[in-house]
Amino acid sequence: MGKSRRTFQEQTPEQAPEQSLQHDEAATARALGGPLGAESAHALNGVMGNAAVQQLVGAAQVDASPESFTEQINDSIYELIKACLDGAMDGWGTNERALFQIIADCSKAQRERVLSDRALMARFRSELTTDEMFLMLRGLQAPLHMWVDLALSTDISTRDIEYFIAHSPAVEQLELARDAGLMARLAAALTVQEADRIFALLPQEGGGSGAVR
């Protein structure tokens, strides 16, 4: 699955993108001002320079409304992050180190936008190895159903699926139990003994555990 390449762990520091985390983060934060906050400034630091930030802020300030300004900036930042992620996968091979660095610099809201971007997530699936994709899900703090979906599409063991479920929050376990399509796929991939053991971990609508198959 995906391209043949060395894993993320095998990349050397010298292969990191030249621009990664080399910009003045304090200057970036000053350019963005109060509405965005330090967290988004930190995310920008890994993907663009201060001159580009100033140009972006200048364009957004056409509308003086603080709410609109923040929304425009956040939308623009996400498009830049997405362009950088796409750029790391363009050409011959994929720069996995750049992908993981950009995701590490994203805020919680930006990670959620990546997770909800179906086209981008599909590209990750096609470009990354299975191990790299699980690292990506970890970096994005993906919900349980995404881990299970990926596991069912690969050769991940049922013990790993059981681990994912057992160590996920109850709200994500309930979300999985309510996903009829994913539950059907999970049941089809398990033996009776595995299904009994794994489904016993999932909550029922009325409380307790043991999702109905």
N, C-alpha and C. Protein backbone atom coordinates (compact mmCIF):
# COMPACT_ATOMS: atom_id res chain seq x y z
N MET A 1 0.84 -1.18 0.00
CA MET A 1 0.00 0.00 0.00
C MET A 1 0.88 1.24 0.00
N GLY A 2 0.65 2.20 -0.84
CA GLY A 2 1.44 3.41 -0.88
C GLY A 2 2.76 3.20 -1.58
N LYS A 3 3.60 4.20 -1.56
CA LYS A 3 4.86 4.13 -2.25
C LYS A 3 5.88 3.37 -1.41
N SER A 4 6.87 2.81 -2.07
CA SER A 4 7.94 2.12 -1.37
C SER A 4 8.97 3.14 -0.96
N ARG A 5 9.23 3.21 0.35
CA ARG A 5 10.19 4.20 0.84
C ARG A 5 10.59 3.84 2.26
N ARG A 6 11.60 4.50 2.76
CA ARG A 6 11.98 4.29 4.14
C ARG A 6 10.90 4.84 5.07
N THR A 7 10.79 4.26 6.24
CA THR A 7 9.78 4.72 7.18
C THR A 7 10.19 6.04 7.80
N PHE A 8 9.23 6.66 8.47
CA PHE A 8 9.47 7.95 9.10
C PHE A 8 10.61 7.86 10.11
N GLN A 9 10.65 6.75 10.85
CA GLN A 9 11.67 6.61 11.86
C GLN A 9 13.07 6.54 11.26
N GLU A 10 13.17 6.12 9.99
CA GLU A 10 14.47 5.97 9.35
C GLU A 10 14.96 7.25 8.71
N GLN A 11 14.12 8.28 8.64
CA GLN A 11 14.56 9.53 8.06
C GLN A 11 15.63 10.16 8.93
N THR A 12 16.61 10.80 8.33
CA THR A 12 17.67 11.46 9.08
C THR A 12 17.34 12.93 9.26
N PRO A 13 17.89 13.59 10.30
CA PRO A 13 17.61 15.01 10.51
C PRO A 13 17.97 15.87 9.31
N GLU A 14 18.97 15.45 8.53
CA GLU A 14 19.37 16.25 7.38
C GLU A 14 18.31 16.31 6.31
N GLN A 15 17.34 15.39 6.36
CA GLN A 15 16.29 15.36 5.34
C GLN A 15 15.11 16.26 5.69
N ALA A 16 15.17 16.93 6.82
CA ALA A 16 14.08 17.83 7.20
C ALA A 16 14.03 19.00 6.24
N PRO A 17 12.83 19.54 5.96
CA PRO A 17 12.73 20.68 5.05
C PRO A 17 13.47 21.88 5.60
N GLU A 18 14.12 22.62 4.71
CA GLU A 18 14.95 23.74 5.14
C GLU A 18 14.16 24.80 5.88
N GLN A 19 12.87 24.97 5.53
CA GLN A 19 12.08 26.02 6.14
C GLN A 19 11.52 25.63 7.50
N SER A 20 11.59 24.35 7.88
CA SER A 20 10.89 23.89 9.06
C SER A 20 11.38 24.56 10.33
N LEU A 21 10.47 25.29 10.98
CA LEU A 21 10.71 25.89 12.27
C LEU A 21 11.93 26.81 12.31
N GLN A 22 12.22 27.51 11.21
CA GLN A 22 13.36 28.40 11.19
C GLN A 22 12.95 29.87 11.21
N HIS A 23 11.64 30.14 11.22
CA HIS A 23 11.18 31.52 11.21
C HIS A 23 11.04 32.04 12.64
N ASP A 24 11.01 33.32 12.80
CA ASP A 24 10.89 33.97 14.10
C ASP A 24 9.45 33.87 14.56
N GLU A 25 9.17 32.98 15.49
CA GLU A 25 7.79 32.74 15.91
C GLU A 25 7.21 33.96 16.61
N ALA A 26 8.03 34.67 17.37
CA ALA A 26 7.53 35.86 18.06
C ALA A 26 7.08 36.92 17.05
N ALA A 27 7.86 37.08 15.97
CA ALA A 27 7.48 38.04 14.94
C ALA A 27 6.20 37.60 14.25
N THR A 28 6.05 36.30 14.05
CA THR A 28 4.83 35.77 13.44
C THR A 28 3.62 36.08 14.33
N ALA A 29 3.77 35.85 15.62
CA ALA A 29 2.67 36.12 16.56
C ALA A 29 2.31 37.60 16.57
N ARG A 30 3.33 38.47 16.52
CA ARG A 30 3.05 39.91 16.51
C ARG A 30 2.31 40.30 15.23
N ALA A 31 2.70 39.68 14.11
CA ALA A 31 2.06 39.99 12.84
C ALA A 31 0.59 39.59 12.85
N LEU A 32 0.30 38.46 13.49
CA LEU A 32 -1.07 37.97 13.51
C LEU A 32 -1.93 38.73 14.52
N GLY A 33 -1.34 39.17 15.62
CA GLY A 33 -2.10 39.94 16.60
C GLY A 33 -2.96 39.07 17.49
N GLY A 34 -3.82 39.72 18.26
CA GLY A 34 -4.58 39.05 19.30
C GLY A 34 -5.59 38.02 18.87
N PRO A 35 -6.36 38.22 17.80
CA PRO A 35 -7.47 37.29 17.51
C PRO A 35 -7.03 35.86 17.31
N LEU A 36 -5.80 35.64 16.87
CA LEU A 36 -5.39 34.29 16.51
C LEU A 36 -4.71 33.58 17.67
N GLY A 37 -3.86 34.26 18.41
CA GLY A 37 -3.20 33.64 19.55
C GLY A 37 -1.91 32.93 19.17
N ALA A 38 -1.16 32.57 20.21
CA ALA A 38 0.18 32.01 20.02
C ALA A 38 0.14 30.63 19.38
N GLU A 39 -0.93 29.85 19.63
CA GLU A 39 -0.97 28.49 19.12
C GLU A 39 -0.99 28.47 17.59
N SER A 40 -1.82 29.30 16.98
CA SER A 40 -1.87 29.36 15.54
C SER A 40 -0.60 29.96 14.96
N ALA A 41 -0.02 30.91 15.70
CA ALA A 41 1.25 31.48 15.25
C ALA A 41 2.32 30.40 15.20
N HIS A 42 2.29 29.51 16.18
CA HIS A 42 3.25 28.41 16.20
C HIS A 42 3.05 27.49 15.00
N ALA A 43 1.79 27.23 14.65
CA ALA A 43 1.51 26.38 13.49
C ALA A 43 2.03 27.02 12.21
N LEU A 44 1.81 28.33 12.09
CA LEU A 44 2.30 29.04 10.90
C LEU A 44 3.81 28.98 10.80
N ASN A 45 4.47 28.98 11.95
CA ASN A 45 5.93 29.06 11.97
C ASN A 45 6.58 27.98 11.13
N GLY A 46 5.95 26.81 11.06
CA GLY A 46 6.55 25.71 10.33
C GLY A 46 6.24 25.69 8.85
N VAL A 47 5.33 26.54 8.37
CA VAL A 47 4.92 26.41 6.98
C VAL A 47 5.10 27.65 6.13
N MET A 48 5.40 28.80 6.73
CA MET A 48 5.53 30.00 5.92
C MET A 48 6.40 31.04 6.63
N GLY A 49 6.89 32.00 5.89
CA GLY A 49 7.74 33.04 6.44
C GLY A 49 6.96 34.27 6.87
N ASN A 50 7.63 35.17 7.57
CA ASN A 50 6.96 36.34 8.12
C ASN A 50 6.44 37.29 7.04
N ALA A 51 7.15 37.39 5.93
CA ALA A 51 6.68 38.26 4.85
C ALA A 51 5.33 37.78 4.33
N ALA A 52 5.19 36.46 4.20
CA ALA A 52 3.91 35.89 3.74
C ALA A 52 2.82 36.12 4.78
N VAL A 53 3.19 36.03 6.05
CA VAL A 53 2.22 36.28 7.11
C VAL A 53 1.70 37.71 7.03
N GLN A 54 2.63 38.67 6.88
CA GLN A 54 2.24 40.07 6.80
C GLN A 54 1.28 40.31 5.63
N GLN A 55 1.57 39.69 4.49
CA GLN A 55 0.71 39.84 3.31
C GLN A 55 -0.67 39.26 3.59
N LEU A 56 -0.70 38.11 4.26
CA LEU A 56 -1.96 37.45 4.59
C LEU A 56 -2.79 38.30 5.53
N VAL A 57 -2.15 38.83 6.57
CA VAL A 57 -2.86 39.67 7.53
C VAL A 57 -3.39 40.93 6.87
N GLY A 58 -2.58 41.54 6.00
CA GLY A 58 -3.01 42.75 5.32
C GLY A 58 -4.24 42.52 4.48
N ALA A 59 -4.31 41.38 3.82
CA ALA A 59 -5.48 41.06 2.99
C ALA A 59 -6.71 40.85 3.85
N ALA A 60 -6.55 40.21 5.02
CA ALA A 60 -7.70 39.92 5.88
C ALA A 60 -8.22 41.16 6.58
N GLN A 61 -7.38 42.16 6.75
CA GLN A 61 -7.79 43.35 7.48
C GLN A 61 -8.70 44.28 6.68
N VAL A 62 -9.02 43.90 5.44
CA VAL A 62 -9.98 44.67 4.66
C VAL A 62 -11.30 44.76 5.40
N ASP A 63 -11.70 43.68 6.07
CA ASP A 63 -12.88 43.67 6.92
C ASP A 63 -12.42 43.87 8.36
N ALA A 64 -12.86 44.95 8.99
CA ALA A 64 -12.37 45.30 10.32
C ALA A 64 -13.01 44.50 11.44
N SER A 65 -14.06 43.71 11.14
CA SER A 65 -14.72 42.93 12.16
C SER A 65 -13.76 41.90 12.75
N PRO A 66 -13.55 41.90 14.08
CA PRO A 66 -12.62 40.93 14.69
C PRO A 66 -13.01 39.49 14.39
N GLU A 67 -14.33 39.19 14.43
CA GLU A 67 -14.77 37.82 14.16
C GLU A 67 -14.47 37.43 12.72
N SER A 68 -14.78 38.32 11.79
CA SER A 68 -14.53 38.04 10.39
C SER A 68 -13.04 37.95 10.11
N PHE A 69 -12.27 38.82 10.74
CA PHE A 69 -10.81 38.80 10.58
C PHE A 69 -10.25 37.45 11.02
N THR A 70 -10.68 36.99 12.20
CA THR A 70 -10.19 35.71 12.72
C THR A 70 -10.59 34.56 11.80
N GLU A 71 -11.83 34.58 11.32
CA GLU A 71 -12.31 33.52 10.44
C GLU A 71 -11.53 33.49 9.13
N GLN A 72 -11.30 34.68 8.55
CA GLN A 72 -10.54 34.73 7.30
C GLN A 72 -9.12 34.24 7.49
N ILE A 73 -8.49 34.67 8.59
CA ILE A 73 -7.13 34.25 8.86
C ILE A 73 -7.06 32.73 9.06
N ASN A 74 -7.98 32.20 9.87
CA ASN A 74 -7.97 30.76 10.12
C ASN A 74 -8.19 29.96 8.84
N ASP A 75 -9.11 30.43 7.98
CA ASP A 75 -9.34 29.75 6.70
C ASP A 75 -8.09 29.81 5.83
N SER A 76 -7.45 30.97 5.81
CA SER A 76 -6.25 31.14 4.99
C SER A 76 -5.11 30.28 5.52
N ILE A 77 -4.97 30.23 6.84
CA ILE A 77 -3.93 29.40 7.43
C ILE A 77 -4.14 27.94 7.07
N TYR A 78 -5.40 27.48 7.16
CA TYR A 78 -5.66 26.07 6.83
C TYR A 78 -5.31 25.78 5.38
N GLU A 79 -5.67 26.69 4.47
CA GLU A 79 -5.34 26.47 3.06
C GLU A 79 -3.82 26.40 2.86
N LEU A 80 -3.08 27.21 3.61
CA LEU A 80 -1.62 27.16 3.52
C LEU A 80 -1.09 25.84 4.07
N ILE A 81 -1.64 25.41 5.20
CA ILE A 81 -1.23 24.14 5.78
C ILE A 81 -1.52 23.00 4.81
N LYS A 82 -2.71 23.02 4.23
CA LYS A 82 -3.09 21.98 3.28
C LYS A 82 -2.17 21.99 2.06
N ALA A 83 -1.83 23.19 1.57
CA ALA A 83 -0.92 23.29 0.42
C ALA A 83 0.45 22.73 0.76
N CYS A 84 0.91 22.98 1.99
CA CYS A 84 2.21 22.45 2.42
C CYS A 84 2.16 20.92 2.55
N LEU A 85 1.06 20.39 3.07
CA LEU A 85 0.92 18.94 3.19
C LEU A 85 0.89 18.30 1.80
N ASP A 86 0.12 18.90 0.89
CA ASP A 86 0.09 18.40 -0.48
C ASP A 86 1.47 18.48 -1.12
N GLY A 87 2.16 19.61 -0.88
CA GLY A 87 3.48 19.78 -1.46
C GLY A 87 4.47 18.74 -0.99
N ALA A 88 4.34 18.31 0.26
CA ALA A 88 5.24 17.29 0.80
C ALA A 88 5.00 15.93 0.16
N MET A 89 3.84 15.77 -0.49
CA MET A 89 3.52 14.49 -1.14
C MET A 89 3.65 14.57 -2.66
N ASP A 90 3.93 15.76 -3.20
CA ASP A 90 4.06 15.91 -4.65
C ASP A 90 5.41 15.39 -5.12
N GLY A 91 5.50 15.13 -6.41
CA GLY A 91 6.77 14.72 -7.00
C GLY A 91 7.10 13.26 -6.69
N TRP A 92 8.38 12.94 -6.82
CA TRP A 92 8.84 11.56 -6.63
C TRP A 92 9.05 11.30 -5.16
N GLY A 93 8.25 10.41 -4.58
CA GLY A 93 8.37 10.11 -3.16
C GLY A 93 7.65 11.14 -2.31
N THR A 94 7.61 10.86 -1.03
CA THR A 94 6.92 11.72 -0.08
C THR A 94 7.87 12.11 1.04
N ASN A 95 7.84 13.37 1.42
CA ASN A 95 8.65 13.85 2.53
C ASN A 95 7.87 13.64 3.82
N GLU A 96 7.97 12.44 4.39
CA GLU A 96 7.20 12.12 5.58
C GLU A 96 7.58 13.00 6.76
N ARG A 97 8.85 13.33 6.86
CA ARG A 97 9.30 14.16 7.98
C ARG A 97 8.59 15.52 7.95
N ALA A 98 8.46 16.10 6.76
CA ALA A 98 7.77 17.38 6.64
C ALA A 98 6.30 17.23 7.03
N LEU A 99 5.64 16.14 6.58
CA LEU A 99 4.24 15.92 6.92
C LEU A 99 4.03 15.89 8.43
N PHE A 100 4.84 15.10 9.13
CA PHE A 100 4.67 14.96 10.56
C PHE A 100 5.02 16.25 11.30
N GLN A 101 5.99 17.00 10.80
CA GLN A 101 6.34 18.27 11.44
C GLN A 101 5.21 19.28 11.31
N ILE A 102 4.61 19.36 10.13
CA ILE A 102 3.50 20.29 9.92
C ILE A 102 2.33 19.94 10.83
N ILE A 103 1.99 18.65 10.89
CA ILE A 103 0.88 18.21 11.75
C ILE A 103 1.19 18.51 13.22
N ALA A 104 2.44 18.32 13.63
CA ALA A 104 2.82 18.59 15.02
C ALA A 104 2.65 20.06 15.36
N ASP A 105 2.79 20.94 14.36
CA ASP A 105 2.67 22.39 14.59
C ASP A 105 1.23 22.88 14.51
N CYS A 106 0.30 22.01 14.16
CA CYS A 106 -1.10 22.43 14.03
C CYS A 106 -1.79 22.53 15.38
N SER A 107 -2.75 23.42 15.46
CA SER A 107 -3.59 23.50 16.65
C SER A 107 -4.64 22.39 16.61
N LYS A 108 -5.38 22.22 17.71
CA LYS A 108 -6.43 21.21 17.77
C LYS A 108 -7.47 21.46 16.67
N ALA A 109 -7.88 22.72 16.49
CA ALA A 109 -8.88 23.05 15.48
C ALA A 109 -8.36 22.73 14.08
N GLN A 110 -7.09 22.98 13.83
CA GLN A 110 -6.52 22.71 12.52
C GLN A 110 -6.41 21.21 12.27
N ARG A 111 -6.06 20.44 13.31
CA ARG A 111 -6.02 18.97 13.16
C ARG A 111 -7.41 18.44 12.84
N GLU A 112 -8.43 19.01 13.48
CA GLU A 112 -9.80 18.55 13.21
C GLU A 112 -10.20 18.85 11.77
N ARG A 113 -9.74 19.97 11.23
CA ARG A 113 -10.04 20.29 9.83
C ARG A 113 -9.35 19.31 8.89
N VAL A 114 -8.14 18.93 9.23
CA VAL A 114 -7.44 17.93 8.42
C VAL A 114 -8.21 16.61 8.44
N LEU A 115 -8.63 16.19 9.62
CA LEU A 115 -9.36 14.93 9.76
C LEU A 115 -10.67 14.94 8.98
N SER A 116 -11.30 16.09 8.88
CA SER A 116 -12.58 16.17 8.17
C SER A 116 -12.41 16.42 6.67
N ASP A 117 -11.18 16.60 6.23
CA ASP A 117 -10.89 16.84 4.81
C ASP A 117 -10.71 15.48 4.13
N ARG A 118 -11.79 14.97 3.54
CA ARG A 118 -11.76 13.62 2.99
C ARG A 118 -10.74 13.44 1.87
N ALA A 119 -10.60 14.45 1.04
CA ALA A 119 -9.64 14.34 -0.07
C ALA A 119 -8.22 14.25 0.46
N LEU A 120 -7.91 15.06 1.47
CA LEU A 120 -6.57 15.04 2.03
C LEU A 120 -6.30 13.74 2.77
N MET A 121 -7.27 13.26 3.54
CA MET A 121 -7.09 11.99 4.25
C MET A 121 -6.93 10.83 3.28
N ALA A 122 -7.68 10.87 2.16
CA ALA A 122 -7.55 9.83 1.15
C ALA A 122 -6.16 9.85 0.53
N ARG A 123 -5.61 11.04 0.35
CA ARG A 123 -4.26 11.13 -0.22
C ARG A 123 -3.22 10.59 0.75
N PHE A 124 -3.40 10.87 2.04
CA PHE A 124 -2.50 10.27 3.03
C PHE A 124 -2.52 8.75 2.90
N ARG A 125 -3.73 8.19 2.77
CA ARG A 125 -3.86 6.73 2.69
C ARG A 125 -3.12 6.17 1.48
N SER A 126 -3.13 6.93 0.36
CA SER A 126 -2.50 6.43 -0.86
C SER A 126 -1.00 6.65 -0.87
N GLU A 127 -0.51 7.64 -0.14
CA GLU A 127 0.90 8.00 -0.19
C GLU A 127 1.74 7.39 0.93
N LEU A 128 1.12 7.08 2.06
CA LEU A 128 1.86 6.62 3.22
C LEU A 128 1.75 5.11 3.40
N THR A 129 2.78 4.52 4.01
CA THR A 129 2.71 3.11 4.37
C THR A 129 1.73 2.95 5.53
N THR A 130 1.38 1.71 5.85
CA THR A 130 0.46 1.47 6.96
C THR A 130 1.00 2.03 8.26
N ASP A 131 2.27 1.75 8.57
CA ASP A 131 2.86 2.26 9.81
C ASP A 131 2.86 3.78 9.84
N GLU A 132 3.18 4.41 8.71
CA GLU A 132 3.17 5.87 8.63
C GLU A 132 1.77 6.42 8.81
N MET A 133 0.77 5.72 8.28
CA MET A 133 -0.60 6.20 8.40
C MET A 133 -1.07 6.13 9.85
N PHE A 134 -0.67 5.10 10.57
CA PHE A 134 -1.02 5.04 11.98
C PHE A 134 -0.32 6.14 12.76
N LEU A 135 0.92 6.47 12.39
CA LEU A 135 1.61 7.60 13.01
C LEU A 135 0.88 8.90 12.70
N MET A 136 0.36 9.02 11.49
CA MET A 136 -0.40 10.21 11.11
C MET A 136 -1.66 10.32 11.96
N LEU A 137 -2.39 9.23 12.12
CA LEU A 137 -3.60 9.25 12.94
C LEU A 137 -3.28 9.63 14.39
N ARG A 138 -2.15 9.14 14.87
CA ARG A 138 -1.75 9.48 16.23
C ARG A 138 -1.45 10.98 16.33
N GLY A 139 -0.71 11.50 15.35
CA GLY A 139 -0.38 12.92 15.35
C GLY A 139 -1.62 13.80 15.25
N LEU A 140 -2.62 13.34 14.50
CA LEU A 140 -3.87 14.09 14.34
C LEU A 140 -4.83 13.88 15.49
N GLN A 141 -4.48 12.96 16.41
CA GLN A 141 -5.37 12.60 17.52
C GLN A 141 -6.74 12.18 16.98
N ALA A 142 -6.69 11.27 16.03
CA ALA A 142 -7.90 10.82 15.34
C ALA A 142 -8.81 10.03 16.27
N PRO A 143 -10.13 10.09 16.04
CA PRO A 143 -11.08 9.33 16.86
C PRO A 143 -11.00 7.84 16.56
N LEU A 144 -11.56 7.04 17.45
CA LEU A 144 -11.48 5.58 17.39
C LEU A 144 -11.94 5.01 16.05
N HIS A 145 -13.06 5.51 15.51
CA HIS A 145 -13.61 4.88 14.30
C HIS A 145 -12.63 4.96 13.13
N MET A 146 -11.77 6.00 13.10
CA MET A 146 -10.77 6.10 12.03
C MET A 146 -9.68 5.05 12.20
N TRP A 147 -9.28 4.79 13.45
CA TRP A 147 -8.29 3.74 13.69
C TRP A 147 -8.83 2.38 13.27
N VAL A 148 -10.07 2.10 13.64
CA VAL A 148 -10.67 0.80 13.32
C VAL A 148 -10.84 0.66 11.81
N ASP A 149 -11.29 1.72 11.15
CA ASP A 149 -11.45 1.69 9.69
C ASP A 149 -10.13 1.38 9.00
N LEU A 150 -9.05 2.04 9.44
CA LEU A 150 -7.74 1.78 8.84
C LEU A 150 -7.28 0.36 9.14
N ALA A 151 -7.48 -0.08 10.38
CA ALA A 151 -7.06 -1.42 10.76
C ALA A 151 -7.75 -2.49 9.92
N LEU A 152 -9.04 -2.29 9.63
CA LEU A 152 -9.79 -3.26 8.84
C LEU A 152 -9.38 -3.25 7.37
N SER A 153 -8.71 -2.19 6.94
CA SER A 153 -8.26 -2.09 5.55
C SER A 153 -6.83 -2.59 5.37
N THR A 154 -6.21 -3.03 6.46
CA THR A 154 -4.82 -3.49 6.42
C THR A 154 -4.74 -4.86 7.08
N ASP A 155 -3.51 -5.27 7.35
CA ASP A 155 -3.31 -6.58 7.97
C ASP A 155 -3.04 -6.47 9.47
N ILE A 156 -3.56 -5.40 10.08
CA ILE A 156 -3.38 -5.21 11.52
C ILE A 156 -4.11 -6.33 12.27
N SER A 157 -3.49 -6.83 13.34
CA SER A 157 -4.07 -7.95 14.08
C SER A 157 -5.30 -7.52 14.87
N THR A 158 -6.14 -8.48 15.19
CA THR A 158 -7.33 -8.19 15.99
C THR A 158 -6.93 -7.77 17.40
N ARG A 159 -5.78 -8.20 17.87
CA ARG A 159 -5.30 -7.76 19.18
C ARG A 159 -5.05 -6.25 19.18
N ASP A 160 -4.54 -5.74 18.06
CA ASP A 160 -4.32 -4.30 17.95
C ASP A 160 -5.65 -3.56 17.96
N ILE A 161 -6.65 -4.10 17.24
CA ILE A 161 -7.97 -3.48 17.23
C ILE A 161 -8.55 -3.47 18.64
N GLU A 162 -8.39 -4.57 19.33
CA GLU A 162 -8.87 -4.66 20.71
C GLU A 162 -8.18 -3.61 21.59
N TYR A 163 -6.89 -3.40 21.37
CA TYR A 163 -6.15 -2.40 22.14
C TYR A 163 -6.68 -1.00 21.85
N PHE A 164 -6.90 -0.69 20.55
CA PHE A 164 -7.44 0.63 20.19
C PHE A 164 -8.74 0.90 20.93
N ILE A 165 -9.64 -0.09 20.91
CA ILE A 165 -10.96 0.08 21.52
C ILE A 165 -10.85 0.22 23.04
N ALA A 166 -10.06 -0.66 23.66
CA ALA A 166 -9.96 -0.66 25.12
C ALA A 166 -9.37 0.63 25.67
N HIS A 167 -8.51 1.29 24.89
CA HIS A 167 -7.83 2.49 25.38
C HIS A 167 -8.42 3.78 24.81
N SER A 168 -9.62 3.72 24.28
CA SER A 168 -10.29 4.91 23.75
C SER A 168 -11.33 5.42 24.74
N PRO A 169 -11.64 6.72 24.68
CA PRO A 169 -12.67 7.28 25.57
C PRO A 169 -14.03 6.63 25.33
N ALA A 170 -14.86 6.61 26.36
CA ALA A 170 -16.17 5.97 26.27
C ALA A 170 -17.02 6.60 25.18
N VAL A 171 -16.91 7.91 24.99
CA VAL A 171 -17.72 8.58 23.97
C VAL A 171 -17.34 8.09 22.57
N GLU A 172 -16.06 7.79 22.34
CA GLU A 172 -15.64 7.28 21.04
C GLU A 172 -16.03 5.81 20.89
N GLN A 173 -16.02 5.06 21.97
CA GLN A 173 -16.49 3.67 21.92
C GLN A 173 -17.97 3.62 21.55
N LEU A 174 -18.76 4.53 22.13
CA LEU A 174 -20.19 4.58 21.82
C LEU A 174 -20.42 4.99 20.37
N GLU A 175 -19.62 5.93 19.88
CA GLU A 175 -19.72 6.36 18.48
C GLU A 175 -19.45 5.18 17.55
N LEU A 176 -18.45 4.36 17.88
CA LEU A 176 -18.16 3.18 17.07
C LEU A 176 -19.32 2.19 17.12
N ALA A 177 -19.86 1.96 18.32
CA ALA A 177 -20.97 1.01 18.48
C ALA A 177 -22.18 1.43 17.67
N ARG A 178 -22.35 2.74 17.46
CA ARG A 178 -23.50 3.25 16.71
C ARG A 178 -23.29 3.22 15.20
N ASP A 179 -22.06 2.96 14.77
CA ASP A 179 -21.73 2.96 13.34
C ASP A 179 -22.02 1.57 12.78
N ALA A 180 -23.24 1.39 12.25
CA ALA A 180 -23.68 0.06 11.81
C ALA A 180 -22.78 -0.51 10.71
N GLY A 181 -22.37 0.34 9.76
CA GLY A 181 -21.53 -0.14 8.67
C GLY A 181 -20.19 -0.63 9.15
N LEU A 182 -19.54 0.14 10.01
CA LEU A 182 -18.23 -0.23 10.53
C LEU A 182 -18.33 -1.45 11.44
N MET A 183 -19.40 -1.51 12.23
CA MET A 183 -19.59 -2.68 13.09
C MET A 183 -19.80 -3.95 12.28
N ALA A 184 -20.51 -3.84 11.15
CA ALA A 184 -20.71 -5.00 10.28
C ALA A 184 -19.38 -5.46 9.69
N ARG A 185 -18.56 -4.51 9.26
CA ARG A 185 -17.23 -4.85 8.73
C ARG A 185 -16.37 -5.52 9.81
N LEU A 186 -16.47 -4.98 11.02
CA LEU A 186 -15.69 -5.53 12.13
C LEU A 186 -16.13 -6.95 12.44
N ALA A 187 -17.44 -7.19 12.47
CA ALA A 187 -17.96 -8.53 12.76
C ALA A 187 -17.52 -9.53 11.69
N ALA A 188 -17.53 -9.10 10.43
CA ALA A 188 -17.14 -9.99 9.33
C ALA A 188 -15.67 -10.36 9.37
N ALA A 189 -14.85 -9.50 9.97
CA ALA A 189 -13.40 -9.74 9.99
C ALA A 189 -12.96 -10.56 11.20
N LEU A 190 -13.86 -10.80 12.14
CA LEU A 190 -13.49 -11.48 13.39
C LEU A 190 -14.03 -12.89 13.47
N THR A 191 -13.35 -13.71 14.22
CA THR A 191 -13.92 -15.00 14.59
C THR A 191 -14.97 -14.76 15.67
N VAL A 192 -15.75 -15.78 15.97
CA VAL A 192 -16.79 -15.64 16.99
C VAL A 192 -16.16 -15.28 18.33
N GLN A 193 -15.06 -15.95 18.67
CA GLN A 193 -14.40 -15.68 19.95
C GLN A 193 -13.85 -14.25 20.00
N GLU A 194 -13.24 -13.81 18.90
CA GLU A 194 -12.70 -12.45 18.85
C GLU A 194 -13.82 -11.42 18.96
N ALA A 195 -14.92 -11.69 18.25
CA ALA A 195 -16.05 -10.76 18.28
C ALA A 195 -16.63 -10.64 19.68
N ASP A 196 -16.79 -11.77 20.37
CA ASP A 196 -17.34 -11.75 21.72
C ASP A 196 -16.44 -10.94 22.65
N ARG A 197 -15.14 -11.11 22.49
CA ARG A 197 -14.19 -10.41 23.35
C ARG A 197 -14.16 -8.91 23.06
N ILE A 198 -14.15 -8.55 21.78
CA ILE A 198 -14.04 -7.14 21.40
C ILE A 198 -15.35 -6.39 21.61
N PHE A 199 -16.47 -6.99 21.23
CA PHE A 199 -17.75 -6.30 21.38
C PHE A 199 -18.12 -6.11 22.85
N ALA A 200 -17.57 -6.96 23.71
CA ALA A 200 -17.83 -6.80 25.14
C ALA A 200 -17.23 -5.51 25.68
N LEU A 201 -16.28 -4.93 24.95
CA LEU A 201 -15.65 -3.69 25.37
C LEU A 201 -16.50 -2.46 25.04
N LEU A 202 -17.44 -2.62 24.11
CA LEU A 202 -18.20 -1.47 23.63
C LEU A 202 -19.46 -1.25 24.45
N PRO A 203 -19.79 0.00 24.73
CA PRO A 203 -20.98 0.30 25.53
C PRO A 203 -22.26 0.10 24.74
N GLN A 204 -23.34 -0.15 25.46
CA GLN A 204 -24.66 -0.22 24.85
C GLN A 204 -25.37 1.12 25.07
N GLU A 205 -26.40 1.35 24.27
CA GLU A 205 -27.14 2.62 24.36
C GLU A 205 -27.70 2.83 25.77
N GLY A 206 -28.19 1.77 26.40
CA GLY A 206 -28.82 1.93 27.70
C GLY A 206 -27.87 1.81 28.87
N GLY A 207 -26.58 1.81 28.58
CA GLY A 207 -25.60 1.65 29.64
C GLY A 207 -25.01 0.26 29.61
N GLY A 208 -23.96 0.03 30.36
CA GLY A 208 -23.31 -1.26 30.36
C GLY A 208 -22.43 -1.44 29.15
N SER A 209 -22.06 -2.68 28.87
CA SER A 209 -21.21 -2.96 27.74
C SER A 209 -21.72 -4.16 26.98
N GLY A 210 -21.11 -4.42 25.82
CA GLY A 210 -21.52 -5.53 24.99
C GLY A 210 -22.43 -5.09 23.87
N ALA A 211 -21.84 -4.42 22.88
CA ALA A 211 -22.64 -3.90 21.76
C ALA A 211 -23.33 -5.04 21.03
N VAL A 212 -24.54 -4.79 20.60
CA VAL A 212 -25.32 -5.80 19.87
C VAL A 212 -24.82 -5.89 18.45
N ARG A 213 -24.54 -7.09 17.98
CA ARG A 213 -24.09 -7.28 16.59
C ARG A 213 -25.26 -7.35 15.65
